[in-house]
Amino acid sequence: MAESLDPRLTPARPDLAAKHLEGRVNAARFVEGELYAVSDALAPMRRAPSPDAPLETQALKGERVTVYDRSDNGWAWGQLASDGYVGWLPEAALTQTLIRPTHRVIALRTFAFPGPSIKLPPAEHLPLGARIEIVEQDDTFAVTGQQHYLPRRHVAPLETHEPDFVAVAERFVGTPYLWGGKSSFGIDCSGLVQVALDAAGITAPRDSDMQERALGLNVPPSQWQALRRGDLMFWKGHVAIVRDTDSIVHANAHHMATAIEPLAAAIARIAAAGSEITGVKRLVTM
């Protein structure tokens, strides 16, 4: 009997599945897959091979993806190496040239210029967390292997991590809410948590239910009156980051933005909409 596996994290369909799942799932055929990298600044991962299909998540420049199938209209079906998410990406956003990233973008977003001048039309814009290969630097610019020039202060070596992931999340305040989004152009609740934790060197799953299961230690309800900065508060389908005993920061559809909200008011508002807190998790590194 085939296992019951999370379809969001399992590269398997009735007609095709990853070779490593043979014997664990039912599929008409199994394939090895090919390794690609995301070459676009930000690539949509969709539920189906169409620009009109729902957005599941986004992949940032430099991420690895194993591709198992391609559609006739320019989409690739695969699995992200970073968080294991499965879906359809535009083939044009991928490359088989697997550079070895050395740095990450640490600004909310930045421009990459085709030469050493900020007066040139930007070649691309890059979001926080994008991975890039820097081949040379001076006092002003960091130069990628593509010969794109980024402001040096906007990048840092991969091993450089933010000391406070909550402060990273706070920088997104005002960012429009976007289901499946992972950048300052649009972000959702679990995307905010994932991106902020990644900046601090902490790997997190993509969706809020996954995060509630995988991250940190349970905080019992008896201690919810004394929450700490960095605690994660969960509702069904939603997650918020505790800033202090009185406030949270979260990307939410009520404000249609990332917002700082009084904790008590948020709990009451969400409860009035029919959802109670399902749990609070405390990261062991905090």
C-alpha atoms as a PDB file:
ATOM      1  CA  MET A   1       0.000   0.000   0.000  1.00  0.00           C
ATOM      2  CA  ALA A   2       1.343   3.457  -0.881  1.00  0.00           C
ATOM      3  CA  GLU A   3       2.262   5.803   1.963  1.00  0.00           C
ATOM      4  CA  SER A   4       0.168   8.845   2.813  1.00  0.00           C
ATOM      5  CA  LEU A   5       2.569  11.694   2.082  1.00  0.00           C
ATOM      6  CA  ASP A   6       2.035  15.455   2.071  1.00  0.00           C
ATOM      7  CA  PRO A   7       1.429  16.342  -1.606  1.00  0.00           C
ATOM      8  CA  ARG A   8       2.960  19.781  -1.048  1.00  0.00           C
ATOM      9  CA  LEU A   9       6.285  18.081  -0.291  1.00  0.00           C
ATOM     10  CA  THR A  10       6.033  14.938  -2.414  1.00  0.00           C
ATOM     11  CA  PRO A  11       7.004  14.973  -6.099  1.00  0.00           C
ATOM     12  CA  ALA A  12       4.417  12.396  -7.083  1.00  0.00           C
ATOM     13  CA  ARG A  13       1.395  12.372  -9.399  1.00  0.00           C
ATOM     14  CA  PRO A  14      -0.639   9.454 -10.749  1.00  0.00           C
ATOM     15  CA  ASP A  15       1.250   9.656 -14.050  1.00  0.00           C
ATOM     16  CA  LEU A  16       4.769  10.422 -12.769  1.00  0.00           C
ATOM     17  CA  ALA A  17       6.857  10.500  -9.586  1.00  0.00           C
ATOM     18  CA  ALA A  18      10.446  10.939  -8.438  1.00  0.00           C
ATOM     19  CA  LYS A  19      12.563   7.799  -8.735  1.00  0.00           C
ATOM     20  CA  HIS A  20      13.412   7.824  -5.020  1.00  0.00           C
ATOM     21  CA  LEU A  21       9.695   7.371  -4.239  1.00  0.00           C
ATOM     22  CA  GLU A  22       9.413   4.077  -6.135  1.00  0.00           C
ATOM     23  CA  GLY A  23       7.824   1.523  -3.855  1.00  0.00           C
ATOM     24  CA  ARG A  24       6.380   4.236  -1.625  1.00  0.00           C
ATOM     25  CA  VAL A  25       3.817   5.799  -3.978  1.00  0.00           C
ATOM     26  CA  ASN A  26       1.783   4.655  -6.948  1.00  0.00           C
ATOM     27  CA  ALA A  27       2.660   6.235 -10.301  1.00  0.00           C
ATOM     28  CA  ALA A  28       2.698   5.187 -13.941  1.00  0.00           C
ATOM     29  CA  ARG A  29       6.430   5.921 -14.208  1.00  0.00           C
ATOM     30  CA  PHE A  30       9.342   7.131 -12.116  1.00  0.00           C
ATOM     31  CA  VAL A  31      12.082   9.541 -13.202  1.00  0.00           C
ATOM     32  CA  GLU A  32      15.396  10.662 -11.726  1.00  0.00           C
ATOM     33  CA  GLY A  33      14.967  14.393 -12.234  1.00  0.00           C
ATOM     34  CA  GLU A  34      17.472  17.050 -13.275  1.00  0.00           C
ATOM     35  CA  LEU A  35      19.043  19.706 -11.076  1.00  0.00           C
ATOM     36  CA  TYR A  36      18.486  23.350 -12.002  1.00  0.00           C
ATOM     37  CA  ALA A  37      18.962  26.717 -10.322  1.00  0.00           C
ATOM     38  CA  VAL A  38      16.585  29.653 -10.202  1.00  0.00           C
ATOM     39  CA  SER A  39      18.047  32.364 -12.423  1.00  0.00           C
ATOM     40  CA  ASP A  40      15.271  34.939 -12.134  1.00  0.00           C
ATOM     41  CA  ALA A  41      15.211  37.263  -9.154  1.00  0.00           C
ATOM     42  CA  LEU A  42      11.893  35.788  -8.051  1.00  0.00           C
ATOM     43  CA  ALA A  43      10.136  32.831  -9.682  1.00  0.00           C
ATOM     44  CA  PRO A  44       6.491  31.866  -9.066  1.00  0.00           C
ATOM     45  CA  MET A  45       5.749  28.265  -8.137  1.00  0.00           C
ATOM     46  CA  ARG A  46       2.182  27.537  -9.215  1.00  0.00           C
ATOM     47  CA  ARG A  47      -0.326  24.737  -8.668  1.00  0.00           C
ATOM     48  CA  ALA A  48      -0.643  24.073 -12.395  1.00  0.00           C
ATOM     49  CA  PRO A  49       1.419  24.909 -15.517  1.00  0.00           C
ATOM     50  CA  SER A  50      -0.312  28.205 -16.228  1.00  0.00           C
ATOM     51  CA  PRO A  51       0.254  31.859 -15.302  1.00  0.00           C
ATOM     52  CA  ASP A  52      -3.378  31.912 -14.154  1.00  0.00           C
ATOM     53  CA  ALA A  53      -2.942  29.025 -11.690  1.00  0.00           C
ATOM     54  CA  PRO A  54      -2.859  29.767  -7.932  1.00  0.00           C
ATOM     55  CA  LEU A  55       0.484  30.841  -6.533  1.00  0.00           C
ATOM     56  CA  GLU A  56       1.793  28.247  -4.066  1.00  0.00           C
ATOM     57  CA  THR A  57       5.097  29.898  -3.143  1.00  0.00           C
ATOM     58  CA  GLN A  58       8.016  31.724  -4.717  1.00  0.00           C
ATOM     59  CA  ALA A  59      11.603  30.678  -5.342  1.00  0.00           C
ATOM     60  CA  LEU A  60      14.414  33.196  -4.966  1.00  0.00           C
ATOM     61  CA  LYS A  61      17.419  33.603  -7.219  1.00  0.00           C
ATOM     62  CA  GLY A  62      20.085  30.990  -6.488  1.00  0.00           C
ATOM     63  CA  GLU A  63      17.718  28.347  -5.111  1.00  0.00           C
ATOM     64  CA  ARG A  64      18.112  24.785  -6.393  1.00  0.00           C
ATOM     65  CA  VAL A  65      15.206  22.842  -7.868  1.00  0.00           C
ATOM     66  CA  THR A  66      14.992  19.254  -9.103  1.00  0.00           C
ATOM     67  CA  VAL A  67      12.861  19.141 -12.263  1.00  0.00           C
ATOM     68  CA  TYR A  68      10.902  15.959 -12.997  1.00  0.00           C
ATOM     69  CA  ASP A  69       8.618  17.025 -15.822  1.00  0.00           C
ATOM     70  CA  ARG A  70       7.976  19.773 -18.365  1.00  0.00           C
ATOM     71  CA  SER A  71       4.791  20.985 -19.980  1.00  0.00           C
ATOM     72  CA  ASP A  72       4.345  21.877 -23.630  1.00  0.00           C
ATOM     73  CA  ASN A  73       3.792  25.527 -22.729  1.00  0.00           C
ATOM     74  CA  GLY A  74       7.060  26.320 -20.938  1.00  0.00           C
ATOM     75  CA  TRP A  75       6.587  25.139 -17.356  1.00  0.00           C
ATOM     76  CA  ALA A  76       8.732  22.807 -15.271  1.00  0.00           C
ATOM     77  CA  TRP A  77       7.396  20.598 -12.469  1.00  0.00           C
ATOM     78  CA  GLY A  78       9.821  20.050  -9.648  1.00  0.00           C
ATOM     79  CA  GLN A  79      10.817  20.292  -6.001  1.00  0.00           C
ATOM     80  CA  LEU A  80      12.721  23.088  -4.263  1.00  0.00           C
ATOM     81  CA  ALA A  81      15.820  22.011  -2.356  1.00  0.00           C
ATOM     82  CA  SER A  82      15.404  24.726   0.282  1.00  0.00           C
ATOM     83  CA  ASP A  83      12.055  23.682   1.779  1.00  0.00           C
ATOM     84  CA  GLY A  84      10.957  20.721  -0.336  1.00  0.00           C
ATOM     85  CA  TYR A  85       7.955  22.457  -1.894  1.00  0.00           C
ATOM     86  CA  VAL A  86       6.604  20.941  -5.122  1.00  0.00           C
ATOM     87  CA  GLY A  87       4.968  22.782  -7.991  1.00  0.00           C
ATOM     88  CA  TRP A  88       5.266  24.330 -11.443  1.00  0.00           C
ATOM     89  CA  LEU A  89       7.908  26.971 -12.250  1.00  0.00           C
ATOM     90  CA  PRO A  90       8.431  28.856 -15.522  1.00  0.00           C
ATOM     91  CA  GLU A  91      11.206  27.103 -17.451  1.00  0.00           C
ATOM     92  CA  ALA A  92      12.529  30.516 -18.454  1.00  0.00           C
ATOM     93  CA  ALA A  93      13.237  31.240 -14.779  1.00  0.00           C
ATOM     94  CA  LEU A  94      15.604  28.272 -14.480  1.00  0.00           C
ATOM     95  CA  THR A  95      19.131  27.465 -15.603  1.00  0.00           C
ATOM     96  CA  GLN A  96      21.280  24.339 -15.596  1.00  0.00           C
ATOM     97  CA  THR A  97      24.339  26.503 -14.948  1.00  0.00           C
ATOM     98  CA  LEU A  98      24.770  25.762 -11.257  1.00  0.00           C
ATOM     99  CA  ILE A  99      26.879  28.587  -9.896  1.00  0.00           C
ATOM    100  CA  ARG A 100      28.083  28.287  -6.321  1.00  0.00           C
ATOM    101  CA  PRO A 101      26.554  31.197  -4.393  1.00  0.00           C
ATOM    102  CA  THR A 102      28.894  33.027  -2.031  1.00  0.00           C
ATOM    103  CA  HIS A 103      26.662  35.843  -0.769  1.00  0.00           C
ATOM    104  CA  ARG A 104      23.050  36.695   0.001  1.00  0.00           C
ATOM    105  CA  VAL A 105      21.073  39.899  -0.370  1.00  0.00           C
ATOM    106  CA  ILE A 106      20.548  41.464   3.070  1.00  0.00           C
ATOM    107  CA  ALA A 107      18.574  44.551   1.989  1.00  0.00           C
ATOM    108  CA  LEU A 108      14.801  44.238   1.662  1.00  0.00           C
ATOM    109  CA  ARG A 109      15.396  44.622  -2.073  1.00  0.00           C
ATOM    110  CA  THR A 110      18.205  45.936  -4.206  1.00  0.00           C
ATOM    111  CA  PHE A 111      19.130  46.682  -7.800  1.00  0.00           C
ATOM    112  CA  ALA A 112      21.779  44.939  -9.884  1.00  0.00           C
ATOM    113  CA  PHE A 113      23.316  47.283 -12.438  1.00  0.00           C
ATOM    114  CA  PRO A 114      24.969  46.246 -15.737  1.00  0.00           C
ATOM    115  CA  GLY A 115      28.012  48.380 -14.920  1.00  0.00           C
ATOM    116  CA  PRO A 116      29.684  50.285 -12.075  1.00  0.00           C
ATOM    117  CA  SER A 117      27.205  53.155 -11.987  1.00  0.00           C
ATOM    118  CA  ILE A 118      23.897  53.623 -10.166  1.00  0.00           C
ATOM    119  CA  LYS A 119      22.800  55.861 -13.052  1.00  0.00           C
ATOM    120  CA  LEU A 120      22.542  52.884 -15.416  1.00  0.00           C
ATOM    121  CA  PRO A 121      19.156  51.209 -15.960  1.00  0.00           C
ATOM    122  CA  PRO A 122      19.076  48.259 -13.540  1.00  0.00           C
ATOM    123  CA  ALA A 123      19.563  44.825 -15.042  1.00  0.00           C
ATOM    124  CA  GLU A 124      17.398  43.209 -12.345  1.00  0.00           C
ATOM    125  CA  HIS A 125      16.028  43.729  -8.869  1.00  0.00           C
ATOM    126  CA  LEU A 126      16.786  41.193  -6.145  1.00  0.00           C
ATOM    127  CA  PRO A 127      14.834  40.427  -2.970  1.00  0.00           C
ATOM    128  CA  LEU A 128      16.103  39.803   0.540  1.00  0.00           C
ATOM    129  CA  GLY A 129      17.540  36.297   0.728  1.00  0.00           C
ATOM    130  CA  ALA A 130      18.494  35.907  -2.933  1.00  0.00           C
ATOM    131  CA  ARG A 131      21.723  33.907  -3.302  1.00  0.00           C
ATOM    132  CA  ILE A 132      24.392  35.215  -5.650  1.00  0.00           C
ATOM    133  CA  GLU A 133      28.006  34.551  -6.609  1.00  0.00           C
ATOM    134  CA  ILE A 134      30.287  37.512  -5.938  1.00  0.00           C
ATOM    135  CA  VAL A 135      33.572  37.397  -7.865  1.00  0.00           C
ATOM    136  CA  GLU A 136      35.041  40.780  -6.890  1.00  0.00           C
ATOM    137  CA  GLN A 137      34.325  43.774  -4.676  1.00  0.00           C
ATOM    138  CA  ASP A 138      35.436  47.331  -4.117  1.00  0.00           C
ATOM    139  CA  ASP A 139      34.317  49.998  -1.668  1.00  0.00           C
ATOM    140  CA  THR A 140      31.110  50.639  -3.623  1.00  0.00           C
ATOM    141  CA  PHE A 141      30.072  47.532  -5.556  1.00  0.00           C
ATOM    142  CA  ALA A 142      29.983  43.777  -5.310  1.00  0.00           C
ATOM    143  CA  VAL A 143      30.250  42.195  -8.765  1.00  0.00           C
ATOM    144  CA  THR A 144      28.495  38.940  -9.634  1.00  0.00           C
ATOM    145  CA  GLY A 145      29.557  36.253 -12.070  1.00  0.00           C
ATOM    146  CA  GLN A 146      27.019  37.748 -14.486  1.00  0.00           C
ATOM    147  CA  GLN A 147      28.952  41.024 -14.268  1.00  0.00           C
ATOM    148  CA  HIS A 148      26.100  42.698 -12.430  1.00  0.00           C
ATOM    149  CA  TYR A 149      27.044  45.396  -9.943  1.00  0.00           C
ATOM    150  CA  LEU A 150      25.209  45.465  -6.617  1.00  0.00           C
ATOM    151  CA  PRO A 151      25.674  47.996  -3.806  1.00  0.00           C
ATOM    152  CA  ARG A 152      28.231  46.316  -1.579  1.00  0.00           C
ATOM    153  CA  ARG A 153      26.334  47.222   1.602  1.00  0.00           C
ATOM    154  CA  HIS A 154      23.312  45.277   0.316  1.00  0.00           C
ATOM    155  CA  VAL A 155      25.058  41.877   0.288  1.00  0.00           C
ATOM    156  CA  ALA A 156      26.877  39.735   2.836  1.00  0.00           C
ATOM    157  CA  PRO A 157      28.622  36.339   2.854  1.00  0.00           C
ATOM    158  CA  LEU A 158      26.285  33.366   3.159  1.00  0.00           C
ATOM    159  CA  GLU A 159      27.547  32.602   6.644  1.00  0.00           C
ATOM    160  CA  THR A 160      26.521  36.080   7.877  1.00  0.00           C
ATOM    161  CA  HIS A 161      23.262  35.925   9.823  1.00  0.00           C
ATOM    162  CA  GLU A 162      20.962  38.523  11.345  1.00  0.00           C
ATOM    163  CA  PRO A 163      20.986  38.454  15.170  1.00  0.00           C
ATOM    164  CA  ASP A 164      17.232  39.098  15.543  1.00  0.00           C
ATOM    165  CA  PHE A 165      14.803  37.577  13.063  1.00  0.00           C
ATOM    166  CA  VAL A 166      11.948  39.621  14.545  1.00  0.00           C
ATOM    167  CA  ALA A 167      13.742  42.809  13.493  1.00  0.00           C
ATOM    168  CA  VAL A 168      13.941  41.382   9.965  1.00  0.00           C
ATOM    169  CA  ALA A 169      10.177  40.766   9.963  1.00  0.00           C
ATOM    170  CA  GLU A 170       9.557  44.301  11.232  1.00  0.00           C
ATOM    171  CA  ARG A 171      11.334  45.676   8.173  1.00  0.00           C
ATOM    172  CA  PHE A 172       8.512  44.231   6.039  1.00  0.00           C
ATOM    173  CA  VAL A 173       5.852  46.397   7.710  1.00  0.00           C
ATOM    174  CA  GLY A 174       3.737  47.955   4.952  1.00  0.00           C
ATOM    175  CA  THR A 175       4.548  45.217   2.428  1.00  0.00           C
ATOM    176  CA  PRO A 176       1.371  44.226   0.550  1.00  0.00           C
ATOM    177  CA  TYR A 177      -0.163  40.881   1.457  1.00  0.00           C
ATOM    178  CA  LEU A 178       0.259  38.269  -1.284  1.00  0.00           C
ATOM    179  CA  TRP A 179      -0.802  34.659  -0.896  1.00  0.00           C
ATOM    180  CA  GLY A 180       2.319  32.594  -1.627  1.00  0.00           C
ATOM    181  CA  GLY A 181       4.581  35.662  -1.607  1.00  0.00           C
ATOM    182  CA  LYS A 182       8.101  35.722  -0.183  1.00  0.00           C
ATOM    183  CA  SER A 183       9.453  39.209  -0.872  1.00  0.00           C
ATOM    184  CA  SER A 184       8.926  42.875  -0.058  1.00  0.00           C
ATOM    185  CA  PHE A 185       6.850  43.140  -3.249  1.00  0.00           C
ATOM    186  CA  GLY A 186       4.269  40.852  -1.612  1.00  0.00           C
ATOM    187  CA  ILE A 187       4.365  38.329   1.223  1.00  0.00           C
ATOM    188  CA  ASP A 188       2.075  36.073   3.243  1.00  0.00           C
ATOM    189  CA  CYS A 189       2.150  35.112   6.927  1.00  0.00           C
ATOM    190  CA  SER A 190       4.253  31.969   6.700  1.00  0.00           C
ATOM    191  CA  GLY A 191       6.446  33.465   3.984  1.00  0.00           C
ATOM    192  CA  LEU A 192       7.307  36.297   6.379  1.00  0.00           C
ATOM    193  CA  VAL A 193       8.300  33.792   9.061  1.00  0.00           C
ATOM    194  CA  GLN A 194      10.320  31.684   6.637  1.00  0.00           C
ATOM    195  CA  VAL A 195      12.188  34.609   5.066  1.00  0.00           C
ATOM    196  CA  ALA A 196      12.919  36.279   8.419  1.00  0.00           C
ATOM    197  CA  LEU A 197      14.182  33.050   9.961  1.00  0.00           C
ATOM    198  CA  ASP A 198      16.304  32.320   6.887  1.00  0.00           C
ATOM    199  CA  ALA A 199      18.006  35.706   7.312  1.00  0.00           C
ATOM    200  CA  ALA A 200      18.909  34.589  10.841  1.00  0.00           C
ATOM    201  CA  GLY A 201      20.289  31.268   9.617  1.00  0.00           C
ATOM    202  CA  ILE A 202      17.287  29.183  10.733  1.00  0.00           C
ATOM    203  CA  THR A 203      15.676  26.802   8.243  1.00  0.00           C
ATOM    204  CA  ALA A 204      11.891  26.746   8.367  1.00  0.00           C
ATOM    205  CA  PRO A 205       9.161  24.936   6.416  1.00  0.00           C
ATOM    206  CA  ARG A 206       6.993  26.948   4.038  1.00  0.00           C
ATOM    207  CA  ASP A 207       3.419  26.767   5.381  1.00  0.00           C
ATOM    208  CA  SER A 208       2.071  27.725   8.796  1.00  0.00           C
ATOM    209  CA  ASP A 209       0.820  24.234   9.688  1.00  0.00           C
ATOM    210  CA  MET A 210       4.255  22.817   8.832  1.00  0.00           C
ATOM    211  CA  GLN A 211       5.915  25.514  10.917  1.00  0.00           C
ATOM    212  CA  GLU A 212       3.675  24.798  13.896  1.00  0.00           C
ATOM    213  CA  ARG A 213       4.652  21.120  13.773  1.00  0.00           C
ATOM    214  CA  ALA A 214       8.360  21.547  13.096  1.00  0.00           C
ATOM    215  CA  LEU A 215       9.597  24.687  14.842  1.00  0.00           C
ATOM    216  CA  GLY A 216      10.542  25.175  18.469  1.00  0.00           C
ATOM    217  CA  LEU A 217       8.995  23.982  21.707  1.00  0.00           C
ATOM    218  CA  ASN A 218       5.372  24.236  22.793  1.00  0.00           C
ATOM    219  CA  VAL A 219       4.542  27.107  25.147  1.00  0.00           C
ATOM    220  CA  PRO A 220       1.659  25.964  27.395  1.00  0.00           C
ATOM    221  CA  PRO A 221      -1.417  28.209  27.575  1.00  0.00           C
ATOM    222  CA  SER A 222      -0.628  28.933  31.234  1.00  0.00           C
ATOM    223  CA  GLN A 223       2.410  30.897  30.002  1.00  0.00           C
ATOM    224  CA  TRP A 224       0.705  32.845  27.201  1.00  0.00           C
ATOM    225  CA  GLN A 225       0.498  35.898  29.450  1.00  0.00           C
ATOM    226  CA  ALA A 226       4.308  36.073  29.461  1.00  0.00           C
ATOM    227  CA  LEU A 227       5.236  35.612  25.821  1.00  0.00           C
ATOM    228  CA  ARG A 228       8.733  36.446  24.610  1.00  0.00           C
ATOM    229  CA  ARG A 229      10.024  38.263  21.563  1.00  0.00           C
ATOM    230  CA  GLY A 230      10.401  35.680  18.815  1.00  0.00           C
ATOM    231  CA  ASP A 231       7.624  33.341  19.952  1.00  0.00           C
ATOM    232  CA  LEU A 232       5.429  32.145  17.091  1.00  0.00           C
ATOM    233  CA  MET A 233       1.653  32.256  17.581  1.00  0.00           C
ATOM    234  CA  PHE A 234      -0.526  30.013  15.424  1.00  0.00           C
ATOM    235  CA  TRP A 235      -4.129  29.905  14.339  1.00  0.00           C
ATOM    236  CA  LYS A 236      -5.576  27.551  11.744  1.00  0.00           C
ATOM    237  CA  GLY A 237      -3.972  28.763   8.530  1.00  0.00           C
ATOM    238  CA  HIS A 238      -2.156  31.684  10.122  1.00  0.00           C
ATOM    239  CA  VAL A 239       1.021  32.529  12.031  1.00  0.00           C
ATOM    240  CA  ALA A 240       2.246  35.700  13.726  1.00  0.00           C
ATOM    241  CA  ILE A 241       5.536  36.685  15.329  1.00  0.00           C
ATOM    242  CA  VAL A 242       5.501  38.002  18.884  1.00  0.00           C
ATOM    243  CA  ARG A 243       7.387  41.307  19.237  1.00  0.00           C
ATOM    244  CA  ASP A 244       6.850  41.731  22.978  1.00  0.00           C
ATOM    245  CA  THR A 245       4.183  40.957  25.558  1.00  0.00           C
ATOM    246  CA  ASP A 246       1.789  43.426  23.928  1.00  0.00           C
ATOM    247  CA  SER A 247       2.226  43.199  20.145  1.00  0.00           C
ATOM    248  CA  ILE A 248       2.777  40.963  17.123  1.00  0.00           C
ATOM    249  CA  VAL A 249       3.999  41.468  13.579  1.00  0.00           C
ATOM    250  CA  HIS A 250       2.312  39.463  10.834  1.00  0.00           C
ATOM    251  CA  ALA A 251       1.389  39.527   7.181  1.00  0.00           C
ATOM    252  CA  ASN A 252      -2.377  39.274   7.107  1.00  0.00           C
ATOM    253  CA  ALA A 253      -5.380  39.659   4.835  1.00  0.00           C
ATOM    254  CA  HIS A 254      -7.241  41.890   7.302  1.00  0.00           C
ATOM    255  CA  HIS A 255      -4.743  44.718   6.797  1.00  0.00           C
ATOM    256  CA  MET A 256      -3.749  43.358   3.351  1.00  0.00           C
ATOM    257  CA  ALA A 257      -0.198  44.092   4.485  1.00  0.00           C
ATOM    258  CA  THR A 258       2.449  43.192   6.997  1.00  0.00           C
ATOM    259  CA  ALA A 259       1.438  45.067  10.120  1.00  0.00           C
ATOM    260  CA  ILE A 260       2.292  45.504  13.764  1.00  0.00           C
ATOM    261  CA  GLU A 261      -0.864  44.904  15.778  1.00  0.00           C
ATOM    262  CA  PRO A 262      -1.664  44.936  19.499  1.00  0.00           C
ATOM    263  CA  LEU A 263      -1.659  41.319  20.659  1.00  0.00           C
ATOM    264  CA  ALA A 264      -4.940  41.436  22.581  1.00  0.00           C
ATOM    265  CA  ALA A 265      -6.738  43.186  19.729  1.00  0.00           C
ATOM    266  CA  ALA A 266      -5.471  40.677  17.176  1.00  0.00           C
ATOM    267  CA  ILE A 267      -6.519  37.707  19.300  1.00  0.00           C
ATOM    268  CA  ALA A 268      -9.999  39.188  19.798  1.00  0.00           C
ATOM    269  CA  ARG A 269     -10.402  40.121  16.132  1.00  0.00           C
ATOM    270  CA  ILE A 270      -9.357  36.686  14.870  1.00  0.00           C
ATOM    271  CA  ALA A 271     -11.520  34.937  17.483  1.00  0.00           C
ATOM    272  CA  ALA A 272     -14.503  37.003  16.345  1.00  0.00           C
ATOM    273  CA  ALA A 273     -13.884  35.678  12.846  1.00  0.00           C
ATOM    274  CA  GLY A 274     -14.121  32.133  14.227  1.00  0.00           C
ATOM    275  CA  SER A 275     -10.519  31.112  14.848  1.00  0.00           C
ATOM    276  CA  GLU A 276      -8.849  30.483  18.175  1.00  0.00           C
ATOM    277  CA  ILE A 277      -5.126  30.157  18.889  1.00  0.00           C
ATOM    278  CA  THR A 278      -3.976  26.603  18.160  1.00  0.00           C
ATOM    279  CA  GLY A 279      -0.542  26.929  19.743  1.00  0.00           C
ATOM    280  CA  VAL A 280       2.513  28.986  20.569  1.00  0.00           C
ATOM    281  CA  LYS A 281       6.029  27.783  19.782  1.00  0.00           C
ATOM    282  CA  ARG A 282       9.297  29.055  21.244  1.00  0.00           C
ATOM    283  CA  LEU A 283      12.428  28.670  19.161  1.00  0.00           C
ATOM    284  CA  VAL A 284      15.166  26.974  21.129  1.00  0.00           C
ATOM    285  CA  THR A 285      17.744  29.387  19.709  1.00  0.00           C
ATOM    286  CA  MET A 286      15.959  32.487  20.988  1.00  0.00           C
END
